[in-house]
Protein backbone atom coordinates (compact mmCIF):
# COMPACT_ATOMS: atom_id res chain seq x y z
CA UNK A 1 120.72 124.44 130.79
CA UNK A 2 117.97 121.82 130.51
CA UNK A 3 118.09 118.08 130.49
CA UNK A 4 119.31 116.15 127.48
CA UNK A 5 115.73 115.05 126.75
CA UNK A 6 114.43 118.61 126.47
CA UNK A 7 111.54 118.74 124.02
CA UNK A 8 111.45 114.98 123.61
CA UNK A 9 108.71 112.81 125.00
CA UNK A 10 109.82 110.01 127.28
CA UNK A 11 107.70 107.27 128.86
CA UNK A 12 108.44 108.69 132.31
CA UNK A 13 106.93 112.11 131.64
CA UNK A 14 103.57 110.69 130.52
CA UNK A 15 103.48 112.35 127.13
CA UNK A 16 103.70 108.91 125.50
CA UNK A 17 101.36 107.16 127.86
CA UNK A 18 99.30 104.18 126.81
CA UNK A 19 96.31 106.45 126.41
CA UNK A 20 98.13 108.85 124.10
CA UNK A 21 99.67 106.06 122.03
CA UNK A 22 96.32 104.26 121.82
CA UNK A 23 94.31 107.27 120.73
CA UNK A 24 96.95 108.30 118.20
CA UNK A 25 97.22 104.76 116.83
CA UNK A 26 93.46 104.47 116.35
CA UNK A 27 93.21 107.90 114.70
CA UNK A 28 96.11 107.13 112.35
CA UNK A 29 94.64 103.72 111.61
CA UNK A 30 91.33 105.38 110.66
CA UNK A 31 93.08 107.96 108.46
CA UNK A 32 95.14 105.24 106.77
CA UNK A 33 92.02 103.13 106.12
CA UNK A 34 90.19 106.13 104.68
CA UNK A 35 92.98 106.93 102.21
CA UNK A 36 93.65 103.28 101.35
CA UNK A 37 89.96 102.43 100.92
CA UNK A 38 89.22 105.38 98.67
CA UNK A 39 92.41 104.74 96.70
CA UNK A 40 91.55 101.07 96.18
CA UNK A 41 87.97 101.89 95.16
CA UNK A 42 89.09 104.45 92.57
CA UNK A 43 91.99 102.33 91.28
CA UNK A 44 89.90 99.15 91.13
CA UNK A 45 90.07 98.81 87.32
CA UNK A 46 93.88 98.88 87.50
CA UNK A 47 94.14 96.67 90.56
CA UNK A 48 91.62 94.03 89.47
CA UNK A 49 93.49 93.21 86.25
CA UNK A 50 96.21 91.02 87.77
CA UNK A 51 93.99 89.77 90.61
CA UNK A 52 91.51 86.90 90.44
CA UNK A 53 88.72 89.34 91.39
CA UNK A 54 86.21 91.34 89.35
CA UNK A 55 86.41 95.12 89.44
CA UNK A 56 83.18 95.32 91.45
CA UNK A 57 84.69 93.14 94.19
CA UNK A 58 87.78 95.36 94.41
CA UNK A 59 85.55 98.46 94.61
CA UNK A 60 83.55 96.78 97.40
CA UNK A 61 86.76 95.98 99.29
CA UNK A 62 87.87 99.61 98.99
CA UNK A 63 84.52 100.90 100.20
CA UNK A 64 84.53 98.41 103.10
CA UNK A 65 87.99 99.58 104.18
CA UNK A 66 86.86 103.22 104.09
CA UNK A 67 83.73 102.36 106.08
CA UNK A 68 85.90 100.49 108.61
CA UNK A 69 87.74 103.80 109.18
CA UNK A 70 84.48 105.30 110.40
CA UNK A 71 83.86 102.28 112.60
CA UNK A 72 87.30 102.72 114.20
CA UNK A 73 86.48 106.33 115.06
CA UNK A 74 83.06 105.30 116.36
CA UNK A 75 84.66 102.65 118.59
CA UNK A 76 87.11 105.26 119.88
CA UNK A 77 84.24 107.62 120.71
CA UNK A 78 81.83 105.09 122.22
CA UNK A 79 83.90 102.41 123.95
CA UNK A 80 86.57 102.57 126.59
CA UNK A 81 89.99 103.02 125.04
CA UNK A 82 91.00 99.53 126.18
CA UNK A 83 87.94 97.94 124.50
CA UNK A 84 88.42 99.94 121.29
CA UNK A 85 92.09 98.98 121.13
CA UNK A 86 91.32 95.30 121.68
CA UNK A 87 88.65 95.31 118.98
CA UNK A 88 90.74 97.12 116.37
CA UNK A 89 93.89 95.16 117.29
CA UNK A 90 92.01 91.89 116.74
CA UNK A 91 90.63 93.10 113.40
CA UNK A 92 94.10 94.25 112.32
CA UNK A 93 95.71 90.90 113.13
CA UNK A 94 93.03 89.08 111.13
CA UNK A 95 93.33 91.60 108.28
CA UNK A 96 97.14 91.39 108.16
CA UNK A 97 97.01 87.59 107.99
CA UNK A 98 94.25 87.66 105.38
CA UNK A 99 96.01 90.24 103.22
CA UNK A 100 99.29 88.34 103.41
CA UNK A 101 97.56 85.08 102.48
CA UNK A 102 95.68 86.74 99.60
CA UNK A 103 98.93 88.16 98.22
CA UNK A 104 99.95 84.65 97.20
CA UNK A 105 97.08 84.25 94.70
CA UNK A 106 99.15 84.72 91.56
CA UNK A 107 99.39 88.50 91.31
CA UNK A 108 102.30 90.17 89.56
CA UNK A 109 105.47 90.69 91.58
CA UNK A 110 104.88 94.44 91.88
CA UNK A 111 101.32 93.98 93.08
CA UNK A 112 102.46 91.19 95.40
CA UNK A 113 104.96 93.57 97.03
CA UNK A 114 102.33 96.30 97.35
CA UNK A 115 99.84 93.95 98.97
CA UNK A 116 102.49 92.58 101.33
CA UNK A 117 103.37 96.20 102.17
CA UNK A 118 99.77 96.80 103.20
CA UNK A 119 99.89 93.65 105.34
CA UNK A 120 103.00 94.98 107.08
CA UNK A 121 101.33 98.38 107.60
CA UNK A 122 98.30 96.76 109.19
CA UNK A 123 100.53 94.56 111.36
CA UNK A 124 102.39 97.68 112.54
CA UNK A 125 99.10 99.28 113.56
CA UNK A 126 98.28 96.11 115.49
CA UNK A 127 101.69 96.31 117.19
CA UNK A 128 101.19 99.97 118.16
CA UNK A 129 97.78 99.13 119.58
CA UNK A 130 99.25 96.23 121.58
CA UNK A 131 101.94 98.59 122.94
CA UNK A 132 99.27 101.06 123.98
CA UNK A 133 97.32 98.31 125.74
CA UNK A 134 100.43 97.27 127.64
CA UNK A 135 101.06 100.84 128.76
CA UNK A 136 97.50 101.52 129.83
CA UNK A 137 97.07 101.36 133.56
CA UNK A 138 95.09 98.35 134.74
CA UNK A 139 91.36 98.97 134.96
CA UNK A 140 90.15 99.68 138.48
CA UNK A 141 87.42 97.26 139.45
């Protein structure tokens, strides 16, 4: 018989190391931003109605979010994992606070809940990136 953790990743066996969590978090963050950005851009006429923004501004926000997804992948490919995580974590904290603050601008209750949901999603990505940073071994100087 095997151990009770057979088939499950544990921190001790390295399968959920800081590197693995960090890379997965950044890839999922990029995928999420791609889907969200494209969705917002295409749904801009519906979304802009209850918001104090013109349709073109909502489209631009959607496009910017989708472009950010590419930037996240570029950071992952070009920078050290620690630097990429710090950069994206910082951007996610700012984005979560900004999205949460924007949600109070008089939108309908349903849209308010959706926007707050996005803020929570972004905050969770920031949390997963912070966890990965904590688990990464210290840089050797």
